[in-house]
Amino acid sequence: MGKGPLGGLAYCCSGVFENITREKLEYFIKTNDGKLMSSVSSRTNYLIVGKLLDDNRPVTEGGKYKAALRCGTKIMTEREFEFFCRERFENPDFILGRKTKKDTTEQAADYFCGGA
């Protein structure tokens, strides 16, 4: 395992997230010692899923989700990942998301409270 809070584990992201952009989530994973993967394989530890896919289908219909089931990869929702980070950062106040929950524009400021 790596030395950072996300332990050098391999993560993959799928779908549209409610409180953070995928780009910011992926950046957060990489900057905290997580290995970001573009697809799910037997080497992927966690798949983090949003509410829907880019084309508005449920994430359960996506290829990454189906691959995670086949490979036995742990699947986490955005909220479950936030709780996971609270444990990994040893900070019960850790928040992953937008400053204003209802702000879904690309200009919205994402933030990580209690991060590294």
Protein backbone atom coordinates (compact mmCIF):
# COMPACT_ATOMS: atom_id res chain seq x y z
CA MET A 1 0.00 0.00 0.00
CA GLY A 2 1.04 3.57 -0.63
CA LYS A 3 1.70 6.15 2.02
CA GLY A 4 -1.09 8.57 1.12
CA PRO A 5 -4.60 8.56 2.58
CA LEU A 6 -6.05 6.53 -0.28
CA GLY A 7 -3.41 3.89 0.26
CA GLY A 8 -2.14 3.30 -3.24
CA LEU A 9 -5.33 1.40 -4.10
CA ALA A 10 -6.78 1.39 -7.61
CA TYR A 11 -9.96 3.40 -8.25
CA CYS A 12 -12.21 3.83 -11.27
CA CYS A 13 -15.04 6.34 -11.65
CA SER A 14 -18.26 5.96 -13.61
CA GLY A 15 -21.24 8.22 -14.20
CA VAL A 16 -22.23 11.75 -13.34
CA PHE A 17 -21.73 12.72 -9.73
CA GLU A 18 -24.16 14.80 -7.73
CA ASN A 19 -21.83 16.93 -5.61
CA ILE A 20 -18.54 16.98 -7.49
CA THR A 21 -17.33 16.88 -11.07
CA ARG A 22 -15.68 13.68 -12.24
CA GLU A 23 -12.53 15.62 -13.14
CA LYS A 24 -12.22 16.96 -9.58
CA LEU A 25 -12.91 13.54 -8.09
CA GLU A 26 -10.24 11.93 -10.27
CA TYR A 27 -7.77 14.69 -9.39
CA PHE A 28 -8.53 14.16 -5.69
CA ILE A 29 -7.88 10.43 -5.98
CA LYS A 30 -4.56 10.91 -7.80
CA THR A 31 -3.26 13.60 -5.43
CA ASN A 32 -3.96 11.42 -2.40
CA ASP A 33 -1.95 8.39 -3.56
CA GLY A 34 -4.78 6.55 -5.27
CA LYS A 35 -4.16 4.91 -8.63
CA LEU A 36 -6.76 6.08 -11.13
CA MET A 37 -7.84 3.51 -13.71
CA SER A 38 -9.80 4.24 -16.87
CA SER A 39 -11.50 0.85 -16.87
CA VAL A 40 -12.36 -1.86 -14.35
CA SER A 41 -10.19 -4.96 -14.22
CA SER A 42 -9.20 -7.55 -11.65
CA ARG A 43 -6.61 -5.01 -10.40
CA THR A 44 -9.27 -2.39 -9.59
CA ASN A 45 -10.04 -2.14 -5.88
CA TYR A 46 -12.99 0.27 -6.02
CA LEU A 47 -15.48 1.55 -8.57
CA ILE A 48 -17.04 4.87 -7.52
CA VAL A 49 -20.38 5.43 -9.22
CA GLY A 50 -22.53 8.50 -9.73
CA LYS A 51 -26.31 8.62 -9.94
CA LEU A 52 -26.56 8.24 -13.73
CA LEU A 53 -24.38 7.66 -16.77
CA ASP A 54 -23.63 10.55 -19.15
CA ASP A 55 -26.55 9.45 -21.36
CA ASN A 56 -28.98 9.39 -18.37
CA ARG A 57 -29.12 5.60 -18.10
CA PRO A 58 -28.76 4.08 -14.62
CA VAL A 59 -25.12 3.34 -13.69
CA THR A 60 -26.09 -0.31 -13.28
CA GLU A 61 -26.42 -0.51 -17.09
CA GLY A 62 -22.86 0.70 -17.70
CA GLY A 63 -19.92 -1.41 -18.79
CA LYS A 64 -17.76 -0.43 -15.81
CA TYR A 65 -20.49 -1.45 -13.37
CA LYS A 66 -20.97 -4.80 -15.09
CA ALA A 67 -17.20 -5.38 -15.19
CA ALA A 68 -16.95 -4.60 -11.46
CA LEU A 69 -19.59 -7.24 -10.73
CA ARG A 70 -17.71 -9.80 -12.87
CA CYS A 71 -14.35 -8.98 -11.25
CA GLY A 72 -15.65 -8.77 -7.68
CA THR A 73 -14.60 -5.11 -7.43
CA LYS A 74 -16.14 -3.19 -4.52
CA ILE A 75 -18.69 -0.64 -5.80
CA MET A 76 -19.19 2.59 -3.84
CA THR A 77 -21.60 5.45 -4.32
CA GLU A 78 -20.35 9.02 -4.07
CA ARG A 79 -21.66 9.18 -0.50
CA GLU A 80 -20.03 5.88 0.46
CA PHE A 81 -16.73 7.17 -0.93
CA GLU A 82 -17.07 10.27 1.26
CA PHE A 83 -17.49 8.06 4.35
CA PHE A 84 -14.58 5.90 3.16
CA CYS A 85 -12.43 9.06 2.98
CA ARG A 86 -13.46 10.09 6.48
CA GLU A 87 -11.95 6.84 7.72
CA ARG A 88 -8.86 6.99 5.50
CA PHE A 89 -8.11 10.61 6.45
CA GLU A 90 -9.04 9.91 10.08
CA ASN A 91 -11.24 12.99 9.98
CA PRO A 92 -14.95 12.69 10.83
CA ASP A 93 -15.56 16.17 9.36
CA PHE A 94 -14.23 15.34 5.89
CA ILE A 95 -16.56 16.61 3.15
CA LEU A 96 -16.25 15.94 -0.56
CA GLY A 97 -18.47 18.10 -2.74
CA ARG A 98 -19.69 21.46 -3.87
CA LYS A 99 -19.84 24.55 -1.70
CA THR A 100 -23.45 24.93 -2.75
CA LYS A 101 -25.14 21.56 -3.16
CA LYS A 102 -27.61 22.84 -5.77
CA ASP A 103 -24.90 24.41 -7.96
CA THR A 104 -24.31 21.95 -10.81
CA THR A 105 -22.65 24.33 -13.25
CA GLU A 106 -19.12 23.74 -14.47
CA GLN A 107 -18.12 27.01 -12.78
CA ALA A 108 -19.14 25.66 -9.36
CA ALA A 109 -16.25 25.48 -6.92
CA ASP A 110 -15.51 21.98 -5.70
CA TYR A 111 -13.78 21.61 -2.39
CA PHE A 112 -12.32 19.02 -0.09
CA CYS A 113 -12.73 19.94 3.54
CA GLY A 114 -10.36 18.09 5.81
CA GLY A 115 -8.30 16.61 2.97
CA ALA A 116 -4.54 16.29 2.81
